[in-house]
Amino acid sequence: MKHHRAALLIALMSAVLATGLSPVTANAASSGVRKKAPKQAIDKGPAETRAERDKRLARECKGRPNAGACEGYGN
């Protein structure tokens, strides 16, 4: 059992060392230019403006009770 663990440990260590010592390619070493990261989309807020929302609520809440989302727009 101990021999299996030791062999496994040696195999893992050699794999880690082999990946860490990989040679650098000539292109990556010679060119000092890095690629720019893509720009992330900027959230521009709600889809409708405040004026558009007021008009929509006045239209949708016409004749409804003055409560909930229609508060101030009903009747």
N, C-alpha and C. Protein backbone atom coordinates (compact mmCIF):
# COMPACT_ATOMS: atom_id res chain seq x y z
N MET A 1 0.83 -1.19 0.00
CA MET A 1 0.00 0.00 0.00
C MET A 1 0.88 1.25 0.00
N LYS A 2 1.95 1.25 0.80
CA LYS A 2 2.82 2.41 0.87
C LYS A 2 3.55 2.62 -0.44
N HIS A 3 3.87 1.52 -1.14
CA HIS A 3 4.59 1.64 -2.40
C HIS A 3 3.71 2.28 -3.46
N HIS A 4 2.42 1.97 -3.43
CA HIS A 4 1.50 2.55 -4.40
C HIS A 4 1.36 4.06 -4.17
N ARG A 5 1.28 4.46 -2.91
CA ARG A 5 1.16 5.88 -2.59
C ARG A 5 2.42 6.63 -3.01
N ALA A 6 3.57 6.04 -2.75
CA ALA A 6 4.83 6.67 -3.12
C ALA A 6 4.94 6.82 -4.63
N ALA A 7 4.56 5.79 -5.37
CA ALA A 7 4.62 5.84 -6.83
C ALA A 7 3.66 6.90 -7.37
N LEU A 8 2.48 6.97 -6.78
CA LEU A 8 1.51 7.97 -7.19
C LEU A 8 2.02 9.38 -6.89
N LEU A 9 2.62 9.57 -5.74
CA LEU A 9 3.17 10.86 -5.36
C LEU A 9 4.29 11.28 -6.30
N ILE A 10 5.16 10.36 -6.65
CA ILE A 10 6.25 10.66 -7.57
C ILE A 10 5.70 11.02 -8.95
N ALA A 11 4.71 10.29 -9.40
CA ALA A 11 4.11 10.57 -10.71
C ALA A 11 3.46 11.95 -10.73
N LEU A 12 2.74 12.30 -9.67
CA LEU A 12 2.10 13.61 -9.60
C LEU A 12 3.12 14.75 -9.55
N MET A 13 4.18 14.56 -8.78
CA MET A 13 5.20 15.59 -8.67
C MET A 13 5.92 15.79 -10.00
N SER A 14 6.20 14.71 -10.70
CA SER A 14 6.88 14.84 -11.99
C SER A 14 5.97 15.51 -13.02
N ALA A 15 4.67 15.24 -12.96
CA ALA A 15 3.74 15.88 -13.88
C ALA A 15 3.66 17.38 -13.61
N VAL A 16 3.64 17.76 -12.35
CA VAL A 16 3.58 19.18 -11.99
C VAL A 16 4.86 19.88 -12.42
N LEU A 17 6.00 19.26 -12.20
CA LEU A 17 7.26 19.87 -12.61
C LEU A 17 7.37 19.96 -14.12
N ALA A 18 6.88 18.99 -14.83
CA ALA A 18 6.96 19.00 -16.29
C ALA A 18 6.11 20.12 -16.88
N THR A 19 4.94 20.37 -16.30
CA THR A 19 4.09 21.45 -16.83
C THR A 19 4.65 22.81 -16.45
N GLY A 20 5.30 22.92 -15.33
CA GLY A 20 5.85 24.20 -14.89
C GLY A 20 7.10 24.58 -15.65
N LEU A 21 7.80 23.65 -16.24
CA LEU A 21 9.05 23.92 -16.93
C LEU A 21 8.90 23.88 -18.44
N SER A 22 7.72 24.09 -18.95
CA SER A 22 7.52 24.04 -20.39
C SER A 22 8.22 25.23 -21.04
N PRO A 23 8.82 25.03 -22.22
CA PRO A 23 9.55 26.13 -22.87
C PRO A 23 8.60 27.20 -23.41
N VAL A 24 9.07 28.43 -23.42
CA VAL A 24 8.29 29.56 -23.92
C VAL A 24 8.48 29.62 -25.43
N THR A 25 7.42 29.82 -26.16
CA THR A 25 7.54 29.89 -27.62
C THR A 25 8.21 31.19 -28.02
N ALA A 26 8.82 31.21 -29.19
CA ALA A 26 9.54 32.39 -29.67
C ALA A 26 8.60 33.56 -29.92
N ASN A 27 7.40 33.31 -30.40
CA ASN A 27 6.46 34.39 -30.69
C ASN A 27 6.03 35.11 -29.43
N ALA A 28 5.74 34.35 -28.40
CA ALA A 28 5.28 34.96 -27.16
C ALA A 28 6.40 35.74 -26.48
N ALA A 29 7.64 35.26 -26.60
CA ALA A 29 8.75 35.92 -25.93
C ALA A 29 9.20 37.16 -26.70
N SER A 30 9.16 37.13 -28.03
CA SER A 30 9.68 38.25 -28.81
C SER A 30 8.70 39.41 -28.89
N SER A 31 7.42 39.14 -28.94
CA SER A 31 6.45 40.23 -29.06
C SER A 31 5.97 40.61 -27.67
N GLY A 32 6.14 41.87 -27.33
CA GLY A 32 5.72 42.35 -26.02
C GLY A 32 4.31 42.89 -26.05
N VAL A 33 3.56 42.64 -27.11
CA VAL A 33 2.22 43.19 -27.26
C VAL A 33 1.22 42.21 -26.67
N ARG A 34 0.37 42.73 -25.82
CA ARG A 34 -0.70 41.91 -25.23
C ARG A 34 -2.01 42.23 -25.93
N LYS A 35 -2.86 41.24 -26.01
CA LYS A 35 -4.19 41.48 -26.56
C LYS A 35 -5.03 42.23 -25.54
N LYS A 36 -5.84 43.14 -26.03
CA LYS A 36 -6.72 43.89 -25.14
C LYS A 36 -7.89 43.02 -24.72
N ALA A 37 -8.30 43.19 -23.49
CA ALA A 37 -9.46 42.47 -22.99
C ALA A 37 -10.71 43.05 -23.63
N PRO A 38 -11.69 42.23 -23.95
CA PRO A 38 -12.92 42.76 -24.56
C PRO A 38 -13.66 43.66 -23.58
N LYS A 39 -14.26 44.71 -24.11
CA LYS A 39 -15.01 45.64 -23.27
C LYS A 39 -16.31 44.98 -22.82
N GLN A 40 -16.65 45.20 -21.57
CA GLN A 40 -17.90 44.67 -21.05
C GLN A 40 -19.02 45.67 -21.32
N ALA A 41 -20.19 45.14 -21.56
CA ALA A 41 -21.35 45.99 -21.83
C ALA A 41 -21.69 46.81 -20.59
N ILE A 42 -22.02 48.07 -20.81
CA ILE A 42 -22.37 48.97 -19.71
C ILE A 42 -23.88 49.02 -19.61
N ASP A 43 -24.38 48.81 -18.39
CA ASP A 43 -25.82 48.86 -18.16
C ASP A 43 -26.26 50.32 -18.20
N LYS A 44 -27.15 50.65 -19.13
CA LYS A 44 -27.59 52.02 -19.31
C LYS A 44 -28.89 52.32 -18.58
N GLY A 45 -29.23 51.50 -17.61
CA GLY A 45 -30.39 51.76 -16.80
C GLY A 45 -31.66 51.14 -17.37
N PRO A 46 -32.81 51.65 -16.94
CA PRO A 46 -34.09 51.07 -17.38
C PRO A 46 -34.31 51.29 -18.88
N ALA A 47 -35.14 50.45 -19.45
CA ALA A 47 -35.39 50.49 -20.89
C ALA A 47 -36.23 51.71 -21.28
N GLU A 48 -37.04 52.22 -20.38
CA GLU A 48 -37.88 53.37 -20.71
C GLU A 48 -37.51 54.55 -19.81
N THR A 49 -37.69 55.73 -20.34
CA THR A 49 -37.39 56.93 -19.56
C THR A 49 -38.52 57.19 -18.56
N ARG A 50 -38.28 58.13 -17.69
CA ARG A 50 -39.30 58.44 -16.68
C ARG A 50 -40.56 59.01 -17.33
N ALA A 51 -40.39 59.82 -18.37
CA ALA A 51 -41.54 60.39 -19.07
C ALA A 51 -42.34 59.29 -19.77
N GLU A 52 -41.63 58.36 -20.39
CA GLU A 52 -42.32 57.25 -21.06
C GLU A 52 -43.07 56.39 -20.05
N ARG A 53 -42.48 56.20 -18.88
CA ARG A 53 -43.15 55.40 -17.84
C ARG A 53 -44.41 56.12 -17.35
N ASP A 54 -44.32 57.42 -17.15
CA ASP A 54 -45.48 58.19 -16.70
C ASP A 54 -46.63 58.09 -17.71
N LYS A 55 -46.31 58.22 -18.98
CA LYS A 55 -47.35 58.12 -20.02
C LYS A 55 -47.97 56.73 -20.05
N ARG A 56 -47.12 55.70 -19.94
CA ARG A 56 -47.62 54.33 -19.97
C ARG A 56 -48.52 54.05 -18.78
N LEU A 57 -48.11 54.47 -17.60
CA LEU A 57 -48.93 54.22 -16.41
C LEU A 57 -50.24 54.99 -16.47
N ALA A 58 -50.22 56.20 -16.97
CA ALA A 58 -51.46 56.97 -17.09
C ALA A 58 -52.42 56.28 -18.06
N ARG A 59 -51.89 55.72 -19.13
CA ARG A 59 -52.72 55.02 -20.12
C ARG A 59 -53.24 53.70 -19.55
N GLU A 60 -52.37 52.93 -18.89
CA GLU A 60 -52.76 51.60 -18.40
C GLU A 60 -53.63 51.66 -17.15
N CYS A 61 -53.51 52.71 -16.35
CA CYS A 61 -54.22 52.77 -15.09
C CYS A 61 -55.51 53.58 -15.16
N LYS A 62 -55.90 53.98 -16.35
CA LYS A 62 -57.11 54.78 -16.51
C LYS A 62 -58.32 53.98 -16.04
N GLY A 63 -59.08 54.50 -15.06
CA GLY A 63 -60.27 53.85 -14.56
C GLY A 63 -60.01 52.77 -13.53
N ARG A 64 -58.80 52.57 -13.11
CA ARG A 64 -58.49 51.55 -12.10
C ARG A 64 -58.36 52.18 -10.73
N PRO A 65 -58.42 51.35 -9.70
CA PRO A 65 -58.25 51.88 -8.35
C PRO A 65 -56.86 52.50 -8.18
N ASN A 66 -56.80 53.53 -7.37
CA ASN A 66 -55.55 54.25 -7.16
C ASN A 66 -54.73 53.52 -6.10
N ALA A 67 -54.16 52.39 -6.47
CA ALA A 67 -53.36 51.60 -5.51
C ALA A 67 -52.30 50.81 -6.25
N GLY A 68 -51.28 50.37 -5.54
CA GLY A 68 -50.22 49.57 -6.13
C GLY A 68 -49.40 50.37 -7.13
N ALA A 69 -49.14 49.78 -8.29
CA ALA A 69 -48.37 50.47 -9.32
C ALA A 69 -49.12 51.67 -9.89
N CYS A 70 -50.46 51.65 -9.78
CA CYS A 70 -51.28 52.74 -10.34
C CYS A 70 -51.46 53.90 -9.38
N GLU A 71 -50.81 53.88 -8.24
CA GLU A 71 -50.99 54.96 -7.27
C GLU A 71 -50.52 56.28 -7.87
N GLY A 72 -51.41 57.22 -7.94
CA GLY A 72 -51.11 58.52 -8.52
C GLY A 72 -51.46 58.62 -9.99
N TYR A 73 -51.80 57.51 -10.62
CA TYR A 73 -52.13 57.51 -12.05
C TYR A 73 -53.56 57.09 -12.32
N GLY A 74 -54.22 56.50 -11.35
CA GLY A 74 -55.59 56.01 -11.56
C GLY A 74 -56.62 57.12 -11.53
N ASN A 75 -57.83 56.77 -11.94
CA ASN A 75 -59.00 57.66 -11.96
C ASN A 75 -58.86 58.75 -12.95
